[in-house]
Amino acid sequence: MENLNELIGQTVTATMPHSTKDEEIYIRCKITSVNIQDFYFEEKGENIYISVCVDPIDELPEDVDYEQLNDIDLSSIYR
């Protein structure tokens, strides 16, 4: 858990699917928090879901709503 908290404040690139095209949108951003949802793992033996909340560094593309930045899968974050 401590290692995940070290992500907070890091500048990264988040990838998000484009809403109307078969391509991804890349957003430079700073991680503001880490969310670990492990209740399914404990109760049902399923995978743990880890996501991050980010703040954009640059202006957001038109296709991206600010609310989408509150739950980005950890696997979609790159340094």
PDB file of N, CA and C in Angstrom:
ATOM      1  N   MET A   1       0.815  -1.198   0.000  1.00  0.00           N
ATOM      2  CA  MET A   1       0.000   0.000   0.000  1.00  0.00           C
ATOM      3  C   MET A   1       0.860   1.264   0.000  1.00  0.00           C
ATOM      4  N   GLU A   2       1.946   1.252   0.772  1.00  0.00           N
ATOM      5  CA  GLU A   2       2.813   2.423   0.822  1.00  0.00           C
ATOM      6  C   GLU A   2       3.372   2.747  -0.554  1.00  0.00           C
ATOM      7  N   ASN A   3       3.746   1.732  -1.334  1.00  0.00           N
ATOM      8  CA  ASN A   3       4.294   1.973  -2.660  1.00  0.00           C
ATOM      9  C   ASN A   3       3.263   2.654  -3.559  1.00  0.00           C
ATOM     10  N   LEU A   4       2.008   2.306  -3.435  1.00  0.00           N
ATOM     11  CA  LEU A   4       0.970   2.949  -4.236  1.00  0.00           C
ATOM     12  C   LEU A   4       0.811   4.415  -3.843  1.00  0.00           C
ATOM     13  N   ASN A   5       0.925   4.728  -2.577  1.00  0.00           N
ATOM     14  CA  ASN A   5       0.811   6.121  -2.140  1.00  0.00           C
ATOM     15  C   ASN A   5       1.947   6.981  -2.676  1.00  0.00           C
ATOM     16  N   GLU A   6       3.072   6.368  -3.035  1.00  0.00           N
ATOM     17  CA  GLU A   6       4.181   7.108  -3.615  1.00  0.00           C
ATOM     18  C   GLU A   6       3.833   7.641  -5.013  1.00  0.00           C
ATOM     19  N   LEU A   7       2.774   7.116  -5.624  1.00  0.00           N
ATOM     20  CA  LEU A   7       2.325   7.612  -6.930  1.00  0.00           C
ATOM     21  C   LEU A   7       1.728   9.014  -6.835  1.00  0.00           C
ATOM     22  N   ILE A   8       1.183   9.361  -5.680  1.00  0.00           N
ATOM     23  CA  ILE A   8       0.531  10.655  -5.514  1.00  0.00           C
ATOM     24  C   ILE A   8       1.546  11.773  -5.735  1.00  0.00           C
ATOM     25  N   GLY A   9       1.202  12.696  -6.618  1.00  0.00           N
ATOM     26  CA  GLY A   9       2.068  13.808  -6.959  1.00  0.00           C
ATOM     27  C   GLY A   9       2.921  13.561  -8.190  1.00  0.00           C
ATOM     28  N   GLN A  10       2.960  12.322  -8.675  1.00  0.00           N
ATOM     29  CA  GLN A  10       3.757  11.991  -9.847  1.00  0.00           C
ATOM     30  C   GLN A  10       3.088  12.514 -11.124  1.00  0.00           C
ATOM     31  N   THR A  11       3.891  13.000 -12.070  1.00  0.00           N
ATOM     32  CA  THR A  11       3.393  13.411 -13.372  1.00  0.00           C
ATOM     33  C   THR A  11       3.453  12.203 -14.296  1.00  0.00           C
ATOM     34  N   VAL A  12       2.323  11.881 -14.915  1.00  0.00           N
ATOM     35  CA  VAL A  12       2.196  10.690 -15.750  1.00  0.00           C
ATOM     36  C   VAL A  12       1.390  11.011 -17.005  1.00  0.00           C
ATOM     37  N   THR A  13       1.284  10.024 -17.868  1.00  0.00           N
ATOM     38  CA  THR A  13       0.392  10.109 -19.015  1.00  0.00           C
ATOM     39  C   THR A  13      -0.710   9.081 -18.816  1.00  0.00           C
ATOM     40  N   ALA A  14      -1.949   9.520 -18.916  1.00  0.00           N
ATOM     41  CA  ALA A  14      -3.099   8.628 -18.817  1.00  0.00           C
ATOM     42  C   ALA A  14      -3.647   8.397 -20.212  1.00  0.00           C
ATOM     43  N   THR A  15      -4.026   7.168 -20.500  1.00  0.00           N
ATOM     44  CA  THR A  15      -4.662   6.865 -21.775  1.00  0.00           C
ATOM     45  C   THR A  15      -6.131   6.583 -21.524  1.00  0.00           C
ATOM     46  N   MET A  16      -6.950   7.119 -22.421  1.00  0.00           N
ATOM     47  CA  MET A  16      -8.393   6.918 -22.328  1.00  0.00           C
ATOM     48  C   MET A  16      -8.918   6.600 -23.714  1.00  0.00           C
ATOM     49  N   PRO A  17      -9.936   5.760 -23.809  1.00  0.00           N
ATOM     50  CA  PRO A  17     -10.496   5.486 -25.126  1.00  0.00           C
ATOM     51  C   PRO A  17     -11.192   6.725 -25.685  1.00  0.00           C
ATOM     52  N   HIS A  18     -11.077   6.929 -26.976  1.00  0.00           N
ATOM     53  CA  HIS A  18     -11.770   8.030 -27.647  1.00  0.00           C
ATOM     54  C   HIS A  18     -13.247   7.670 -27.713  1.00  0.00           C
ATOM     55  N   SER A  19     -14.118   8.617 -27.489  1.00  0.00           N
ATOM     56  CA  SER A  19     -15.552   8.321 -27.406  1.00  0.00           C
ATOM     57  C   SER A  19     -16.166   7.921 -28.746  1.00  0.00           C
ATOM     58  N   THR A  20     -15.626   8.403 -29.862  1.00  0.00           N
ATOM     59  CA  THR A  20     -16.248   8.105 -31.151  1.00  0.00           C
ATOM     60  C   THR A  20     -15.318   7.438 -32.152  1.00  0.00           C
ATOM     61  N   LYS A  21     -14.045   7.358 -31.867  1.00  0.00           N
ATOM     62  CA  LYS A  21     -13.076   6.762 -32.792  1.00  0.00           C
ATOM     63  C   LYS A  21     -12.393   5.568 -32.137  1.00  0.00           C
ATOM     64  N   ASP A  22     -11.777   4.725 -32.952  1.00  0.00           N
ATOM     65  CA  ASP A  22     -11.032   3.569 -32.435  1.00  0.00           C
ATOM     66  C   ASP A  22      -9.588   3.951 -32.136  1.00  0.00           C
ATOM     67  N   GLU A  23      -9.406   4.944 -31.306  1.00  0.00           N
ATOM     68  CA  GLU A  23      -8.065   5.360 -30.921  1.00  0.00           C
ATOM     69  C   GLU A  23      -8.095   5.818 -29.473  1.00  0.00           C
ATOM     70  N   GLU A  24      -6.917   6.041 -28.930  1.00  0.00           N
ATOM     71  CA  GLU A  24      -6.826   6.470 -27.534  1.00  0.00           C
ATOM     72  C   GLU A  24      -6.450   7.937 -27.449  1.00  0.00           C
ATOM     73  N   ILE A  25      -6.844   8.551 -26.352  1.00  0.00           N
ATOM     74  CA  ILE A  25      -6.490   9.933 -26.050  1.00  0.00           C
ATOM     75  C   ILE A  25      -5.422   9.882 -24.961  1.00  0.00           C
ATOM     76  N   TYR A  26      -4.360  10.662 -25.123  1.00  0.00           N
ATOM     77  CA  TYR A  26      -3.270  10.723 -24.142  1.00  0.00           C
ATOM     78  C   TYR A  26      -3.345  12.050 -23.404  1.00  0.00           C
ATOM     79  N   ILE A  27      -3.321  11.980 -22.076  1.00  0.00           N
ATOM     80  CA  ILE A  27      -3.449  13.176 -21.252  1.00  0.00           C
ATOM     81  C   ILE A  27      -2.304  13.232 -20.250  1.00  0.00           C
ATOM     82  N   ARG A  28      -1.515  14.304 -20.291  1.00  0.00           N
ATOM     83  CA  ARG A  28      -0.482  14.523 -19.274  1.00  0.00           C
ATOM     84  C   ARG A  28      -1.186  15.011 -18.012  1.00  0.00           C
ATOM     85  N   CYS A  29      -0.870  14.395 -16.894  1.00  0.00           N
ATOM     86  CA  CYS A  29      -1.599  14.724 -15.668  1.00  0.00           C
ATOM     87  C   CYS A  29      -0.756  14.403 -14.444  1.00  0.00           C
ATOM     88  N   LYS A  30      -1.265  14.821 -13.300  1.00  0.00           N
ATOM     89  CA  LYS A  30      -0.617  14.568 -12.015  1.00  0.00           C
ATOM     90  C   LYS A  30      -1.591  13.745 -11.170  1.00  0.00           C
ATOM     91  N   ILE A  31      -1.094  12.670 -10.576  1.00  0.00           N
ATOM     92  CA  ILE A  31      -1.930  11.798  -9.745  1.00  0.00           C
ATOM     93  C   ILE A  31      -2.245  12.502  -8.432  1.00  0.00           C
ATOM     94  N   THR A  32      -3.541  12.544  -8.084  1.00  0.00           N
ATOM     95  CA  THR A  32      -3.952  13.197  -6.837  1.00  0.00           C
ATOM     96  C   THR A  32      -4.352  12.206  -5.753  1.00  0.00           C
ATOM     97  N   SER A  33      -4.801  10.999  -6.146  1.00  0.00           N
ATOM     98  CA  SER A  33      -5.145   9.985  -5.144  1.00  0.00           C
ATOM     99  C   SER A  33      -5.175   8.603  -5.787  1.00  0.00           C
ATOM    100  N   VAL A  34      -5.084   7.581  -4.924  1.00  0.00           N
ATOM    101  CA  VAL A  34      -5.127   6.189  -5.348  1.00  0.00           C
ATOM    102  C   VAL A  34      -6.315   5.533  -4.659  1.00  0.00           C
ATOM    103  N   ASN A  35      -7.097   4.782  -5.419  1.00  0.00           N
ATOM    104  CA  ASN A  35      -8.269   4.094  -4.875  1.00  0.00           C
ATOM    105  C   ASN A  35      -8.079   2.589  -5.021  1.00  0.00           C
ATOM    106  N   ILE A  36      -8.258   1.861  -3.944  1.00  0.00           N
ATOM    107  CA  ILE A  36      -8.144   0.406  -3.978  1.00  0.00           C
ATOM    108  C   ILE A  36      -9.498  -0.166  -3.592  1.00  0.00           C
ATOM    109  N   GLN A  37     -10.090  -0.895  -4.513  1.00  0.00           N
ATOM    110  CA  GLN A  37     -11.383  -1.524  -4.257  1.00  0.00           C
ATOM    111  C   GLN A  37     -11.148  -3.027  -4.165  1.00  0.00           C
ATOM    112  N   ASP A  38     -11.004  -3.500  -2.939  1.00  0.00           N
ATOM    113  CA  ASP A  38     -10.690  -4.912  -2.751  1.00  0.00           C
ATOM    114  C   ASP A  38     -11.823  -5.709  -2.119  1.00  0.00           C
ATOM    115  N   PHE A  39     -12.992  -5.088  -1.949  1.00  0.00           N
ATOM    116  CA  PHE A  39     -14.088  -5.804  -1.302  1.00  0.00           C
ATOM    117  C   PHE A  39     -14.532  -7.015  -2.112  1.00  0.00           C
ATOM    118  N   TYR A  40     -14.469  -6.937  -3.450  1.00  0.00           N
ATOM    119  CA  TYR A  40     -14.827  -8.094  -4.269  1.00  0.00           C
ATOM    120  C   TYR A  40     -13.826  -9.223  -4.068  1.00  0.00           C
ATOM    121  N   PHE A  41     -12.571  -8.856  -3.973  1.00  0.00           N
ATOM    122  CA  PHE A  41     -11.528  -9.856  -3.776  1.00  0.00           C
ATOM    123  C   PHE A  41     -11.773 -10.620  -2.485  1.00  0.00           C
ATOM    124  N   GLU A  42     -12.050  -9.899  -1.435  1.00  0.00           N
ATOM    125  CA  GLU A  42     -12.262 -10.542  -0.141  1.00  0.00           C
ATOM    126  C   GLU A  42     -13.528 -11.382  -0.123  1.00  0.00           C
ATOM    127  N   GLU A  43     -14.611 -10.868  -0.700  1.00  0.00           N
ATOM    128  CA  GLU A  43     -15.895 -11.554  -0.622  1.00  0.00           C
ATOM    129  C   GLU A  43     -16.073 -12.650  -1.672  1.00  0.00           C
ATOM    130  N   LYS A  44     -15.556 -12.435  -2.876  1.00  0.00           N
ATOM    131  CA  LYS A  44     -15.843 -13.346  -3.983  1.00  0.00           C
ATOM    132  C   LYS A  44     -14.615 -13.955  -4.631  1.00  0.00           C
ATOM    133  N   GLY A  45     -13.436 -13.609  -4.153  1.00  0.00           N
ATOM    134  CA  GLY A  45     -12.227 -14.152  -4.737  1.00  0.00           C
ATOM    135  C   GLY A  45     -11.895 -13.574  -6.101  1.00  0.00           C
ATOM    136  N   GLU A  46     -12.361 -12.364  -6.388  1.00  0.00           N
ATOM    137  CA  GLU A  46     -12.083 -11.712  -7.667  1.00  0.00           C
ATOM    138  C   GLU A  46     -10.871 -10.790  -7.542  1.00  0.00           C
ATOM    139  N   ASN A  47     -10.447 -10.234  -8.685  1.00  0.00           N
ATOM    140  CA  ASN A  47      -9.286  -9.352  -8.719  1.00  0.00           C
ATOM    141  C   ASN A  47      -9.522  -8.068  -7.943  1.00  0.00           C
ATOM    142  N   ILE A  48      -8.428  -7.496  -7.465  1.00  0.00           N
ATOM    143  CA  ILE A  48      -8.468  -6.195  -6.818  1.00  0.00           C
ATOM    144  C   ILE A  48      -8.415  -5.136  -7.909  1.00  0.00           C
ATOM    145  N   TYR A  49      -9.270  -4.126  -7.820  1.00  0.00           N
ATOM    146  CA  TYR A  49      -9.308  -3.049  -8.796  1.00  0.00           C
ATOM    147  C   TYR A  49      -8.632  -1.826  -8.198  1.00  0.00           C
ATOM    148  N   ILE A  50      -7.579  -1.331  -8.877  1.00  0.00           N
ATOM    149  CA  ILE A  50      -6.854  -0.151  -8.414  1.00  0.00           C
ATOM    150  C   ILE A  50      -6.998   0.933  -9.463  1.00  0.00           C
ATOM    151  N   SER A  51      -7.431   2.104  -9.021  1.00  0.00           N
ATOM    152  CA  SER A  51      -7.584   3.226  -9.942  1.00  0.00           C
ATOM    153  C   SER A  51      -6.969   4.469  -9.307  1.00  0.00           C
ATOM    154  N   VAL A  52      -6.786   5.489 -10.130  1.00  0.00           N
ATOM    155  CA  VAL A  52      -6.227   6.742  -9.646  1.00  0.00           C
ATOM    156  C   VAL A  52      -7.116   7.901 -10.081  1.00  0.00           C
ATOM    157  N   CYS A  53      -7.047   8.985  -9.350  1.00  0.00           N
ATOM    158  CA  CYS A  53      -7.654  10.253  -9.731  1.00  0.00           C
ATOM    159  C   CYS A  53      -6.513  11.163 -10.154  1.00  0.00           C
ATOM    160  N   VAL A  54      -6.739  11.928 -11.212  1.00  0.00           N
ATOM    161  CA  VAL A  54      -5.680  12.789 -11.731  1.00  0.00           C
ATOM    162  C   VAL A  54      -6.202  14.188 -12.012  1.00  0.00           C
ATOM    163  N   ASP A  55      -5.281  15.138 -12.046  1.00  0.00           N
ATOM    164  CA  ASP A  55      -5.557  16.502 -12.492  1.00  0.00           C
ATOM    165  C   ASP A  55      -4.766  16.715 -13.773  1.00  0.00           C
ATOM    166  N   PRO A  56      -5.406  17.228 -14.816  1.00  0.00           N
ATOM    167  CA  PRO A  56      -4.685  17.446 -16.069  1.00  0.00           C
ATOM    168  C   PRO A  56      -3.659  18.560 -15.929  1.00  0.00           C
ATOM    169  N   ILE A  57      -2.552  18.424 -16.634  1.00  0.00           N
ATOM    170  CA  ILE A  57      -1.534  19.465 -16.660  1.00  0.00           C
ATOM    171  C   ILE A  57      -1.846  20.454 -17.772  1.00  0.00           C
ATOM    172  N   ASP A  58      -2.273  19.934 -18.912  1.00  0.00           N
ATOM    173  CA  ASP A  58      -2.629  20.760 -20.060  1.00  0.00           C
ATOM    174  C   ASP A  58      -4.147  20.821 -20.195  1.00  0.00           C
ATOM    175  N   GLU A  59      -4.611  21.574 -21.146  1.00  0.00           N
ATOM    176  CA  GLU A  59      -6.043  21.669 -21.402  1.00  0.00           C
ATOM    177  C   GLU A  59      -6.569  20.319 -21.878  1.00  0.00           C
ATOM    178  N   LEU A  60      -7.747  19.934 -21.401  1.00  0.00           N
ATOM    179  CA  LEU A  60      -8.340  18.658 -21.789  1.00  0.00           C
ATOM    180  C   LEU A  60      -8.865  18.708 -23.221  1.00  0.00           C
ATOM    181  N   PRO A  61      -8.737  17.608 -23.956  1.00  0.00           N
ATOM    182  CA  PRO A  61      -9.369  17.535 -25.272  1.00  0.00           C
ATOM    183  C   PRO A  61     -10.890  17.659 -25.136  1.00  0.00           C
ATOM    184  N   GLU A  62     -11.552  18.076 -26.195  1.00  0.00           N
ATOM    185  CA  GLU A  62     -13.007  18.264 -26.156  1.00  0.00           C
ATOM    186  C   GLU A  62     -13.760  16.991 -25.797  1.00  0.00           C
ATOM    187  N   ASP A  63     -13.230  15.841 -26.176  1.00  0.00           N
ATOM    188  CA  ASP A  63     -13.922  14.572 -25.964  1.00  0.00           C
ATOM    189  C   ASP A  63     -13.807  14.033 -24.546  1.00  0.00           C
ATOM    190  N   VAL A  64     -13.060  14.715 -23.690  1.00  0.00           N
ATOM    191  CA  VAL A  64     -12.836  14.214 -22.334  1.00  0.00           C
ATOM    192  C   VAL A  64     -13.553  15.109 -21.332  1.00  0.00           C
ATOM    193  N   ASP A  65     -14.384  14.479 -20.519  1.00  0.00           N
ATOM    194  CA  ASP A  65     -15.082  15.181 -19.441  1.00  0.00           C
ATOM    195  C   ASP A  65     -14.218  15.093 -18.184  1.00  0.00           C
ATOM    196  N   TYR A  66     -14.137  16.169 -17.429  1.00  0.00           N
ATOM    197  CA  TYR A  66     -13.301  16.209 -16.233  1.00  0.00           C
ATOM    198  C   TYR A  66     -13.644  15.070 -15.266  1.00  0.00           C
ATOM    199  N   GLU A  67     -14.906  14.675 -15.213  1.00  0.00           N
ATOM    200  CA  GLU A  67     -15.350  13.598 -14.316  1.00  0.00           C
ATOM    201  C   GLU A  67     -14.659  12.269 -14.636  1.00  0.00           C
ATOM    202  N   GLN A  68     -14.272  12.055 -15.883  1.00  0.00           N
ATOM    203  CA  GLN A  68     -13.601  10.817 -16.283  1.00  0.00           C
ATOM    204  C   GLN A  68     -12.231  10.682 -15.628  1.00  0.00           C
ATOM    205  N   LEU A  69     -11.683  11.759 -15.151  1.00  0.00           N
ATOM    206  CA  LEU A  69     -10.350  11.736 -14.549  1.00  0.00           C
ATOM    207  C   LEU A  69     -10.369  11.262 -13.103  1.00  0.00           C
ATOM    208  N   ASN A  70     -11.556  10.970 -12.575  1.00  0.00           N
ATOM    209  CA  ASN A  70     -11.687  10.548 -11.184  1.00  0.00           C
ATOM    210  C   ASN A  70     -11.592   9.045 -10.989  1.00  0.00           C
ATOM    211  N   ASP A  71     -11.504   8.277 -12.077  1.00  0.00           N
ATOM    212  CA  ASP A  71     -11.476   6.823 -11.943  1.00  0.00           C
ATOM    213  C   ASP A  71     -10.769   6.209 -13.146  1.00  0.00           C
ATOM    214  N   ILE A  72      -9.455   6.345 -13.187  1.00  0.00           N
ATOM    215  CA  ILE A  72      -8.669   5.806 -14.288  1.00  0.00           C
ATOM    216  C   ILE A  72      -7.939   4.551 -13.792  1.00  0.00           C
ATOM    217  N   ASP A  73      -8.105   3.469 -14.513  1.00  0.00           N
ATOM    218  CA  ASP A  73      -7.472   2.212 -14.150  1.00  0.00           C
ATOM    219  C   ASP A  73      -5.949   2.378 -14.105  1.00  0.00           C
ATOM    220  N   LEU A  74      -5.336   1.800 -13.104  1.00  0.00           N
ATOM    221  CA  LEU A  74      -3.883   1.921 -12.932  1.00  0.00           C
ATOM    222  C   LEU A  74      -3.121   1.436 -14.168  1.00  0.00           C
ATOM    223  N   SER A  75      -3.663   0.448 -14.865  1.00  0.00           N
ATOM    224  CA  SER A  75      -2.985  -0.070 -16.069  1.00  0.00           C
ATOM    225  C   SER A  75      -3.004   0.934 -17.229  1.00  0.00           C
ATOM    226  N   SER A  76      -3.744   2.013 -17.114  1.00  0.00           N
ATOM    227  CA  SER A  76      -3.814   3.045 -18.154  1.00  0.00           C
ATOM    228  C   SER A  76      -2.900   4.232 -17.856  1.00  0.00           C
ATOM    229  N   ILE A  77      -2.021   4.076 -16.875  1.00  0.00           N
ATOM    230  CA  ILE A  77      -1.113   5.164 -16.457  1.00  0.00           C
ATOM    231  C   ILE A  77       0.313   4.789 -16.838  1.00  0.00           C
ATOM    232  N   TYR A  78       1.011   5.735 -17.476  1.00  0.00           N
ATOM    233  CA  TYR A  78       2.402   5.516 -17.898  1.00  0.00           C
ATOM    234  C   TYR A  78       3.253   6.690 -17.464  1.00  0.00           C
ATOM    235  N   ARG A  79       4.508   6.443 -17.195  1.00  0.00           N
ATOM    236  CA  ARG A  79       5.440   7.508 -16.805  1.00  0.00           C
ATOM    237  C   ARG A  79       6.030   8.153 -17.999  1.00  0.00           C
TER     238      ARG A  79
END
